[in-house]
Amino acid sequence: MSGSPDDDRIEELRQQKMEELKERKQGGGDAEAAREAQREQVEQQKQALLRQHLTDGARKRLNTIKMSKPEFAEQAEQQILALAQSGRLSDKIDEEQMKKLLSELTPDSKSFNVRRR
């Protein structure tokens, strides 16, 4: 299924990482290597789902946000994955839809309550 050079490169890097983890596991760090392999696999699955459900523009926007606000980007990724897994995404999310999703996740900082006593 890998068609682009980027996908081939990602697969190659993944294989190298798995080999490193196997070597480390044989060296005695069984539990840590297993946890690292598990985290790596979960992250790869998440990225594959995001590539499947986001256009290039939307992915670039999400990556830009990840650089400045990683916790907010993680929240947005979780929201997108939840939408995808629930079957509520019929098409890829484009950049405009991503902007709308991000604005919905952003708390409205302009609203506040003033109570007078």
C-alpha atoms as a PDB file:
ATOM      1  CA  MET A   1       0.000   0.000   0.000  1.00  0.00           C
ATOM      2  CA  SER A   2       3.015   2.294   0.325  1.00  0.00           C
ATOM      3  CA  GLY A   3       3.083   4.394  -2.778  1.00  0.00           C
ATOM      4  CA  SER A   4       4.937   7.566  -1.983  1.00  0.00           C
ATOM      5  CA  PRO A   5       8.630   7.907  -1.186  1.00  0.00           C
ATOM      6  CA  ASP A   6       7.666   9.395   2.203  1.00  0.00           C
ATOM      7  CA  ASP A   7       5.718   6.260   3.099  1.00  0.00           C
ATOM      8  CA  ASP A   8       8.683   4.116   2.060  1.00  0.00           C
ATOM      9  CA  ARG A   9      11.012   6.245   4.203  1.00  0.00           C
ATOM     10  CA  ILE A  10       8.664   6.047   7.184  1.00  0.00           C
ATOM     11  CA  GLU A  11       8.501   2.280   6.830  1.00  0.00           C
ATOM     12  CA  GLU A  12      12.292   2.095   6.623  1.00  0.00           C
ATOM     13  CA  LEU A  13      12.672   4.223   9.773  1.00  0.00           C
ATOM     14  CA  ARG A  14      10.082   2.106  11.561  1.00  0.00           C
ATOM     15  CA  GLN A  15      11.999  -1.050  10.691  1.00  0.00           C
ATOM     16  CA  GLN A  16      15.239   0.484  11.982  1.00  0.00           C
ATOM     17  CA  LYS A  17      13.523   1.501  15.220  1.00  0.00           C
ATOM     18  CA  MET A  18      12.070  -1.981  15.687  1.00  0.00           C
ATOM     19  CA  GLU A  19      15.537  -3.515  15.167  1.00  0.00           C
ATOM     20  CA  GLU A  20      17.015  -1.149  17.763  1.00  0.00           C
ATOM     21  CA  LEU A  21      14.281  -2.065  20.207  1.00  0.00           C
ATOM     22  CA  LYS A  22      14.852  -5.786  19.629  1.00  0.00           C
ATOM     23  CA  GLU A  23      18.575  -5.359  20.270  1.00  0.00           C
ATOM     24  CA  ARG A  24      17.876  -3.353  23.417  1.00  0.00           C
ATOM     25  CA  LYS A  25      15.380  -5.963  24.578  1.00  0.00           C
ATOM     26  CA  GLN A  26      17.970  -8.705  24.197  1.00  0.00           C
ATOM     27  CA  GLY A  27      20.356  -6.545  26.218  1.00  0.00           C
ATOM     28  CA  GLY A  28      18.195  -6.778  29.344  1.00  0.00           C
ATOM     29  CA  GLY A  29      15.854  -3.766  29.223  1.00  0.00           C
ATOM     30  CA  ASP A  30      12.825  -5.950  28.523  1.00  0.00           C
ATOM     31  CA  ALA A  31      10.117  -3.917  30.234  1.00  0.00           C
ATOM     32  CA  GLU A  32      11.334  -0.532  29.028  1.00  0.00           C
ATOM     33  CA  ALA A  33      11.869  -1.747  25.463  1.00  0.00           C
ATOM     34  CA  ALA A  34       8.410  -3.301  25.406  1.00  0.00           C
ATOM     35  CA  ARG A  35       6.827  -0.066  26.641  1.00  0.00           C
ATOM     36  CA  GLU A  36       8.761   1.943  24.073  1.00  0.00           C
ATOM     37  CA  ALA A  37       7.726  -0.446  21.294  1.00  0.00           C
ATOM     38  CA  GLN A  38       4.095  -0.175  22.441  1.00  0.00           C
ATOM     39  CA  ARG A  39       4.241   3.657  22.459  1.00  0.00           C
ATOM     40  CA  GLU A  40       5.876   3.658  19.036  1.00  0.00           C
ATOM     41  CA  GLN A  41       3.224   1.360  17.603  1.00  0.00           C
ATOM     42  CA  VAL A  42       0.360   3.429  19.046  1.00  0.00           C
ATOM     43  CA  GLU A  43       1.908   6.627  17.683  1.00  0.00           C
ATOM     44  CA  GLN A  44       2.326   5.073  14.222  1.00  0.00           C
ATOM     45  CA  GLN A  45      -1.292   3.930  14.171  1.00  0.00           C
ATOM     46  CA  LYS A  46      -2.438   7.398  15.223  1.00  0.00           C
ATOM     47  CA  GLN A  47      -0.363   9.073  12.505  1.00  0.00           C
ATOM     48  CA  ALA A  48      -1.655   6.640   9.878  1.00  0.00           C
ATOM     49  CA  LEU A  49      -5.257   7.419  10.829  1.00  0.00           C
ATOM     50  CA  LEU A  50      -4.562  11.156  10.742  1.00  0.00           C
ATOM     51  CA  ARG A  51      -2.975  10.833   7.269  1.00  0.00           C
ATOM     52  CA  GLN A  52      -6.048   8.929   6.154  1.00  0.00           C
ATOM     53  CA  HIS A  53      -8.559  11.491   7.425  1.00  0.00           C
ATOM     54  CA  LEU A  54      -6.768  14.843   6.926  1.00  0.00           C
ATOM     55  CA  THR A  55      -5.834  16.687   3.763  1.00  0.00           C
ATOM     56  CA  ASP A  56      -2.280  17.996   3.410  1.00  0.00           C
ATOM     57  CA  GLY A  57      -3.339  21.525   4.387  1.00  0.00           C
ATOM     58  CA  ALA A  58      -5.126  20.332   7.508  1.00  0.00           C
ATOM     59  CA  ARG A  59      -2.144  18.188   8.511  1.00  0.00           C
ATOM     60  CA  LYS A  60       0.220  21.142   8.053  1.00  0.00           C
ATOM     61  CA  ARG A  61      -2.022  23.318  10.215  1.00  0.00           C
ATOM     62  CA  LEU A  62      -2.114  20.657  12.930  1.00  0.00           C
ATOM     63  CA  ASN A  63       1.681  20.259  12.805  1.00  0.00           C
ATOM     64  CA  THR A  64       2.110  24.026  13.130  1.00  0.00           C
ATOM     65  CA  ILE A  65      -0.081  24.025  16.215  1.00  0.00           C
ATOM     66  CA  LYS A  66       1.820  21.053  17.598  1.00  0.00           C
ATOM     67  CA  MET A  67       5.005  23.148  17.551  1.00  0.00           C
ATOM     68  CA  SER A  68       3.547  25.979  19.617  1.00  0.00           C
ATOM     69  CA  LYS A  69       0.891  24.220  21.719  1.00  0.00           C
ATOM     70  CA  PRO A  70       1.570  20.466  21.893  1.00  0.00           C
ATOM     71  CA  GLU A  71      -1.133  19.745  24.475  1.00  0.00           C
ATOM     72  CA  PHE A  72      -3.764  21.554  22.394  1.00  0.00           C
ATOM     73  CA  ALA A  73      -2.657  19.685  19.256  1.00  0.00           C
ATOM     74  CA  GLU A  74      -2.923  16.390  21.157  1.00  0.00           C
ATOM     75  CA  GLN A  75      -6.468  17.324  22.165  1.00  0.00           C
ATOM     76  CA  ALA A  76      -7.322  18.116  18.527  1.00  0.00           C
ATOM     77  CA  GLU A  77      -5.802  14.819  17.348  1.00  0.00           C
ATOM     78  CA  GLN A  78      -7.843  12.896  19.913  1.00  0.00           C
ATOM     79  CA  GLN A  79     -11.004  14.682  18.741  1.00  0.00           C
ATOM     80  CA  ILE A  80     -10.293  13.829  15.089  1.00  0.00           C
ATOM     81  CA  LEU A  81      -9.544  10.209  15.934  1.00  0.00           C
ATOM     82  CA  ALA A  82     -12.744   9.958  17.969  1.00  0.00           C
ATOM     83  CA  LEU A  83     -14.744  11.335  15.032  1.00  0.00           C
ATOM     84  CA  ALA A  84     -13.045   8.915  12.645  1.00  0.00           C
ATOM     85  CA  GLN A  85     -13.536   5.876  14.869  1.00  0.00           C
ATOM     86  CA  SER A  86     -17.183   6.691  15.482  1.00  0.00           C
ATOM     87  CA  GLY A  87     -17.757   6.821  11.717  1.00  0.00           C
ATOM     88  CA  ARG A  88     -18.853  10.456  11.702  1.00  0.00           C
ATOM     89  CA  LEU A  89     -16.237  11.453   9.114  1.00  0.00           C
ATOM     90  CA  SER A  90     -17.493  10.779   5.636  1.00  0.00           C
ATOM     91  CA  ASP A  91     -14.699  12.644   3.857  1.00  0.00           C
ATOM     92  CA  LYS A  92     -11.240  13.999   4.616  1.00  0.00           C
ATOM     93  CA  ILE A  93     -11.040  17.058   6.855  1.00  0.00           C
ATOM     94  CA  ASP A  94      -9.738  19.985   4.841  1.00  0.00           C
ATOM     95  CA  GLU A  95      -8.015  23.106   6.149  1.00  0.00           C
ATOM     96  CA  GLU A  96     -11.240  25.097   6.574  1.00  0.00           C
ATOM     97  CA  GLN A  97     -12.888  22.288   8.524  1.00  0.00           C
ATOM     98  CA  MET A  98      -9.730  22.017  10.632  1.00  0.00           C
ATOM     99  CA  LYS A  99      -9.935  25.743  11.435  1.00  0.00           C
ATOM    100  CA  LYS A 100     -13.545  25.291  12.522  1.00  0.00           C
ATOM    101  CA  LEU A 101     -12.699  22.252  14.662  1.00  0.00           C
ATOM    102  CA  LEU A 102      -9.806  24.085  16.314  1.00  0.00           C
ATOM    103  CA  SER A 103     -11.952  27.135  17.039  1.00  0.00           C
ATOM    104  CA  GLU A 104     -14.566  24.871  18.652  1.00  0.00           C
ATOM    105  CA  LEU A 105     -11.889  23.329  20.871  1.00  0.00           C
ATOM    106  CA  THR A 106     -10.532  26.728  21.891  1.00  0.00           C
ATOM    107  CA  PRO A 107     -12.244  28.085  24.989  1.00  0.00           C
ATOM    108  CA  ASP A 108     -13.960  31.397  24.473  1.00  0.00           C
ATOM    109  CA  SER A 109     -11.623  33.696  26.352  1.00  0.00           C
ATOM    110  CA  LYS A 110     -13.809  36.730  25.725  1.00  0.00           C
ATOM    111  CA  SER A 111     -16.725  35.548  27.813  1.00  0.00           C
ATOM    112  CA  PHE A 112     -16.578  36.221  31.498  1.00  0.00           C
ATOM    113  CA  ASN A 113     -18.997  36.780  34.299  1.00  0.00           C
ATOM    114  CA  VAL A 114     -18.995  39.907  36.413  1.00  0.00           C
ATOM    115  CA  ARG A 115     -20.745  39.614  39.718  1.00  0.00           C
ATOM    116  CA  ARG A 116     -21.365  42.706  41.753  1.00  0.00           C
ATOM    117  CA  ARG A 117     -22.072  42.618  45.441  1.00  0.00           C
END
